[in-house]
Each structure stands twice: as C-alpha cells, then as structure tokens.
Amino acid sequence: MYESIDPSQGTAPQMPPISPWSHGGVPQPQSSWPGVVGTISIVLGSLGLLCYGCNSIMTFASPFVQNFMPPEMQQAQAQGAVLALNIGSYCIGFLLALLLLFSGVGIVQRRRWGRTASIVWAFLRAALAAIVLALTVILAQDIADQTNQQMQARGQASPFTVTSDLVILIAVISVLLQLIRPVFILIWFNLARIKDVVATWQ
C-alpha cells in the first residue's frame, strides 16, 4: 500500500516507475523482411540498369560502329519494327530498373513511399511485359526471318531454322519469368500484416 499523503509536506510521494518487464512485456523485435526484400530490389534494379543500359547503347551505336568495319566483318542488324521494339523495350526497361532500385532503397530505409514505388513498378513492369509479348506475337515472323538472316550472315551453321512459333514460345517463357517479381510484390505488399508494418514507417 502507498503511504498516505501528509498535507504538511506539500507534495505526494513519487510512484516508482513501472517497467514493462514487470508485467511480462517483451519488446517487439523489428521486422527483418524489409532488409531482404529491399536488398533484392536494389540488386535486381542495379543489374537491370547495367543490362538495359548496355543493350541500349549497343543498339544505338552498332550501326555507326559497323560503318568503320570491313564488309566481311559487318553483321546483320535488326531492322524496321523489330529494331523499334528492341530500342523501346530497352529504354523503358532501363527506366523501370531505376524505379526498382529507388523503391528498394525506400524499403530498406523503411519509408512508406518504398511500398508505393514498389507497387507502381510492379504494375508498370507487368504492363510492359504484356505489351512486348503482344508486339512479339505480331512481329514473330519478321523476328524469325531476321534472326535466320543474322545467323547466315555470321556463317553459323544452325541445326534448325527459327520459326515464328519458336519466337512466340520463347517470348511467353520470358514473360512468365519476368512476372515472378511483380506478382510477388503485389501479393506481399497487400497482405494485411505487411500493411500494418508499413503503416509504422515514416
């Protein structure tokens, strides 16, 4: 029991501080998943910047470089709509890789905008994959013809001829692989317990 207050003393006695441990409370450990998910996004974003950046530069620079090469060393290049598809997918992929890197930094630093940026990236990446797949199906025969011409120009003896069906099959497999990360991001960041954790971030 606490001692009674003596009016002559003027102040009440101080109550002892209550420790959470006295009621069995245990400090909640900080979630470790932001470091894992964010780091993977940073790594994939960095690799994307490198790959898409190099492909974009090579696609733009290759025609100019070949002008200084002997005719026998020049290689056939993508032309027309196929070239436009390659350039467009590389450039947009570079920007999306930058967004993925940016979102990964936000997640690692436990910022709410990291979740928002990740979800935006997932939607845009899925949309790009769908658009590229649709255009690949439309241009499948042109892609197959140009691929065969490039292999013949290089003097490569191929055991088979690239067909439009093979081009579409490869494109479908590629899209399915590209959708793994976006689908995971959309599912993960919409789980109730994950949204509760993100709500505590700055």
Protein backbone atom coordinates (compact mmCIF):
# COMPACT_ATOMS: atom_id res chain seq x y z
CA MET A 1 0.00 0.00 0.00
CA TYR A 2 1.12 3.53 -0.75
CA GLU A 3 1.72 5.84 2.17
CA SER A 4 -0.96 8.45 2.90
CA ILE A 5 -0.25 11.98 1.77
CA ASP A 6 0.70 14.34 4.56
CA PRO A 7 -0.69 17.82 3.72
CA SER A 8 2.08 19.42 5.75
CA GLN A 9 4.69 18.00 3.34
CA GLY A 10 3.06 19.75 0.36
CA THR A 11 3.78 17.08 -2.28
CA ALA A 12 2.76 13.49 -2.84
CA PRO A 13 5.38 10.78 -2.79
CA GLN A 14 6.68 9.74 -6.24
CA MET A 15 5.35 6.44 -7.59
CA PRO A 16 8.07 4.03 -8.65
CA PRO A 17 8.44 3.67 -12.45
CA ILE A 18 6.70 0.63 -13.87
CA SER A 19 8.86 -1.49 -16.16
CA PRO A 20 7.22 -3.40 -18.99
CA TRP A 21 9.15 -6.41 -17.80
CA SER A 22 7.20 -6.39 -14.52
CA HIS A 23 4.01 -7.21 -16.45
CA GLY A 24 5.65 -9.78 -18.67
CA GLY A 25 6.01 -7.38 -21.59
CA VAL A 26 8.70 -8.19 -24.13
CA PRO A 27 9.96 -5.57 -26.61
CA GLN A 28 8.83 -6.49 -30.12
CA PRO A 29 11.77 -7.19 -32.46
CA GLN A 30 11.93 -5.13 -35.63
CA SER A 31 10.86 -6.95 -38.78
CA SER A 32 13.79 -8.17 -40.85
CA TRP A 33 11.93 -8.65 -44.16
CA PRO A 34 12.37 -5.01 -45.34
CA GLY A 35 16.12 -5.55 -45.49
CA VAL A 36 15.74 -8.74 -47.51
CA VAL A 37 13.04 -7.51 -49.91
CA GLY A 38 14.66 -4.11 -50.32
CA THR A 39 18.15 -5.51 -50.93
CA ILE A 40 16.85 -7.88 -53.61
CA SER A 41 15.13 -4.93 -55.32
CA ILE A 42 18.35 -2.91 -55.18
CA VAL A 43 20.39 -5.78 -56.65
CA LEU A 44 17.87 -6.50 -59.42
CA GLY A 45 17.50 -2.81 -60.17
CA SER A 46 21.27 -2.36 -60.44
CA LEU A 47 21.59 -5.36 -62.74
CA GLY A 48 18.72 -4.03 -64.83
CA LEU A 49 20.39 -0.65 -65.20
CA LEU A 50 23.58 -2.36 -66.34
CA CYS A 51 21.94 -4.79 -68.78
CA TYR A 52 19.36 -2.46 -70.29
CA GLY A 53 21.85 0.40 -70.39
CA CYS A 54 24.46 -1.66 -72.25
CA ASN A 55 21.87 -3.09 -74.65
CA SER A 56 20.52 0.38 -75.40
CA ILE A 57 23.98 1.78 -76.09
CA MET A 58 24.95 -1.18 -78.28
CA THR A 59 21.69 -0.98 -80.25
CA PHE A 60 22.16 2.73 -80.94
CA ALA A 61 25.91 2.60 -81.56
CA SER A 62 26.17 -0.63 -83.57
CA PRO A 63 25.16 0.84 -86.98
CA PHE A 64 27.71 3.63 -86.61
CA VAL A 65 30.47 1.28 -85.47
CA GLN A 66 29.91 -1.09 -88.39
CA ASN A 67 30.46 1.74 -90.86
CA PHE A 68 34.14 1.67 -89.88
CA MET A 69 34.42 -2.12 -90.18
CA PRO A 70 35.35 -4.11 -93.31
CA PRO A 71 32.33 -5.51 -95.19
CA GLU A 72 33.24 -9.11 -94.33
CA MET A 73 33.16 -8.28 -90.61
CA GLN A 74 29.86 -6.45 -90.63
CA GLN A 75 26.89 -8.27 -89.11
CA ALA A 76 23.21 -8.10 -89.96
CA GLN A 77 21.20 -5.95 -87.58
CA ALA A 78 17.56 -5.81 -86.62
CA GLN A 79 15.57 -3.58 -88.92
CA GLY A 80 12.27 -1.71 -89.01
CA ALA A 81 9.63 -2.56 -86.44
CA VAL A 82 11.82 -5.20 -84.81
CA LEU A 83 14.54 -2.61 -84.18
CA ALA A 84 11.96 -0.18 -82.78
CA LEU A 85 10.65 -2.91 -80.46
CA ASN A 86 14.15 -3.63 -79.18
CA ILE A 87 15.00 0.02 -78.59
CA GLY A 88 11.68 0.75 -76.91
CA SER A 89 11.84 -2.25 -74.57
CA TYR A 90 15.46 -1.50 -73.63
CA CYS A 91 14.84 2.17 -72.86
CA ILE A 92 11.66 1.57 -70.88
CA GLY A 93 13.31 -1.35 -69.10
CA PHE A 94 16.15 0.96 -68.07
CA LEU A 95 13.70 3.44 -66.52
CA LEU A 96 11.83 0.67 -64.72
CA ALA A 97 15.11 -0.70 -63.37
CA LEU A 98 15.84 2.76 -61.97
CA LEU A 99 12.41 2.80 -60.31
CA LEU A 100 13.02 -0.67 -58.85
CA LEU A 101 16.34 0.49 -57.41
CA PHE A 102 14.66 3.58 -55.96
CA SER A 103 11.88 1.51 -54.37
CA GLY A 104 14.41 -0.90 -52.87
CA VAL A 105 16.21 1.97 -51.15
CA GLY A 106 12.89 3.13 -49.70
CA ILE A 107 12.07 -0.34 -48.36
CA VAL A 108 15.49 -0.79 -46.76
CA GLN A 109 15.14 2.61 -45.11
CA ARG A 110 11.60 1.70 -44.02
CA ARG A 111 9.83 4.53 -45.83
CA ARG A 112 6.17 4.25 -46.78
CA TRP A 113 6.91 5.56 -50.25
CA GLY A 114 9.06 2.46 -50.77
CA ARG A 115 5.90 0.32 -50.78
CA THR A 116 4.12 2.74 -53.12
CA ALA A 117 7.07 2.82 -55.54
CA SER A 118 7.30 -0.99 -55.48
CA ILE A 119 3.62 -1.40 -56.34
CA VAL A 120 3.86 1.17 -59.14
CA TRP A 121 6.91 -0.64 -60.51
CA ALA A 122 5.10 -3.99 -60.38
CA PHE A 123 2.13 -2.68 -62.36
CA LEU A 124 4.34 -0.97 -64.95
CA ARG A 125 6.63 -3.99 -65.30
CA ALA A 126 3.68 -6.32 -65.84
CA ALA A 127 2.18 -3.91 -68.37
CA LEU A 128 5.48 -3.68 -70.28
CA ALA A 129 5.79 -7.47 -70.37
CA ALA A 130 2.25 -7.80 -71.74
CA ILE A 131 2.84 -5.14 -74.40
CA VAL A 132 6.16 -6.64 -75.51
CA LEU A 133 4.54 -10.08 -75.70
CA ALA A 134 1.69 -8.76 -77.84
CA LEU A 135 4.08 -6.97 -80.20
CA THR A 136 6.33 -10.03 -80.38
CA VAL A 137 3.37 -12.16 -81.44
CA ILE A 138 2.52 -9.62 -84.15
CA LEU A 139 6.12 -9.39 -85.36
CA ALA A 140 7.00 -13.06 -84.79
CA GLN A 141 7.56 -13.85 -88.47
CA ASP A 142 9.74 -10.76 -89.01
CA ILE A 143 11.78 -11.61 -85.91
CA ALA A 144 12.26 -15.19 -87.09
CA ASP A 145 13.30 -14.11 -90.60
CA GLN A 146 15.79 -11.51 -89.32
CA THR A 147 17.23 -13.97 -86.80
CA ASN A 148 17.84 -16.55 -89.52
CA GLN A 149 19.41 -13.91 -91.75
CA GLN A 150 21.72 -12.80 -88.94
CA MET A 151 22.88 -16.37 -88.30
CA GLN A 152 23.51 -16.94 -92.01
CA ALA A 153 25.42 -13.65 -92.28
CA ARG A 154 27.68 -14.77 -89.44
CA GLY A 155 28.35 -18.07 -91.17
CA GLN A 156 26.80 -20.06 -88.33
CA ALA A 157 25.51 -23.48 -89.30
CA SER A 158 22.32 -23.81 -87.31
CA PRO A 159 20.80 -27.30 -86.85
CA PHE A 160 17.34 -25.79 -87.11
CA THR A 161 15.53 -22.81 -88.58
CA VAL A 162 13.98 -20.25 -86.24
CA THR A 163 10.24 -20.18 -86.77
CA SER A 164 7.55 -17.78 -85.63
CA ASP A 165 6.17 -20.43 -83.27
CA LEU A 166 9.56 -20.74 -81.59
CA VAL A 167 9.79 -16.96 -81.25
CA ILE A 168 6.36 -16.85 -79.57
CA LEU A 169 7.23 -19.75 -77.25
CA ILE A 170 10.43 -18.06 -76.11
CA ALA A 171 8.56 -14.79 -75.62
CA VAL A 172 5.90 -16.47 -73.46
CA ILE A 173 8.50 -18.17 -71.27
CA SER A 174 10.40 -14.88 -70.93
CA VAL A 175 7.25 -13.00 -69.88
CA LEU A 176 6.36 -15.64 -67.29
CA LEU A 177 9.82 -15.31 -65.76
CA GLN A 178 9.60 -11.52 -65.81
CA LEU A 179 6.26 -11.60 -63.97
CA ILE A 180 7.60 -13.51 -60.95
CA ARG A 181 8.88 -10.43 -59.14
CA PRO A 182 5.92 -8.12 -59.94
CA VAL A 183 3.39 -10.74 -58.81
CA PHE A 184 5.32 -11.32 -55.59
CA ILE A 185 5.47 -7.57 -54.89
CA LEU A 186 1.73 -7.10 -55.47
CA ILE A 187 0.82 -10.03 -53.21
CA TRP A 188 3.36 -9.29 -50.48
CA PHE A 189 2.64 -5.60 -50.01
CA ASN A 190 -1.11 -6.19 -49.93
CA LEU A 191 -1.00 -8.69 -47.08
CA ALA A 192 -2.73 -7.26 -44.00
CA ARG A 193 0.19 -7.91 -41.65
CA ILE A 194 2.66 -6.33 -44.07
CA LYS A 195 0.46 -3.26 -44.50
CA ASP A 196 0.34 -2.95 -40.69
CA VAL A 197 4.13 -2.96 -40.54
CA VAL A 198 4.47 -0.42 -43.35
CA ALA A 199 1.96 1.85 -41.55
CA THR A 200 4.50 2.25 -38.73
CA TRP A 201 7.20 3.51 -41.13
CA GLN A 202 7.98 7.14 -41.70
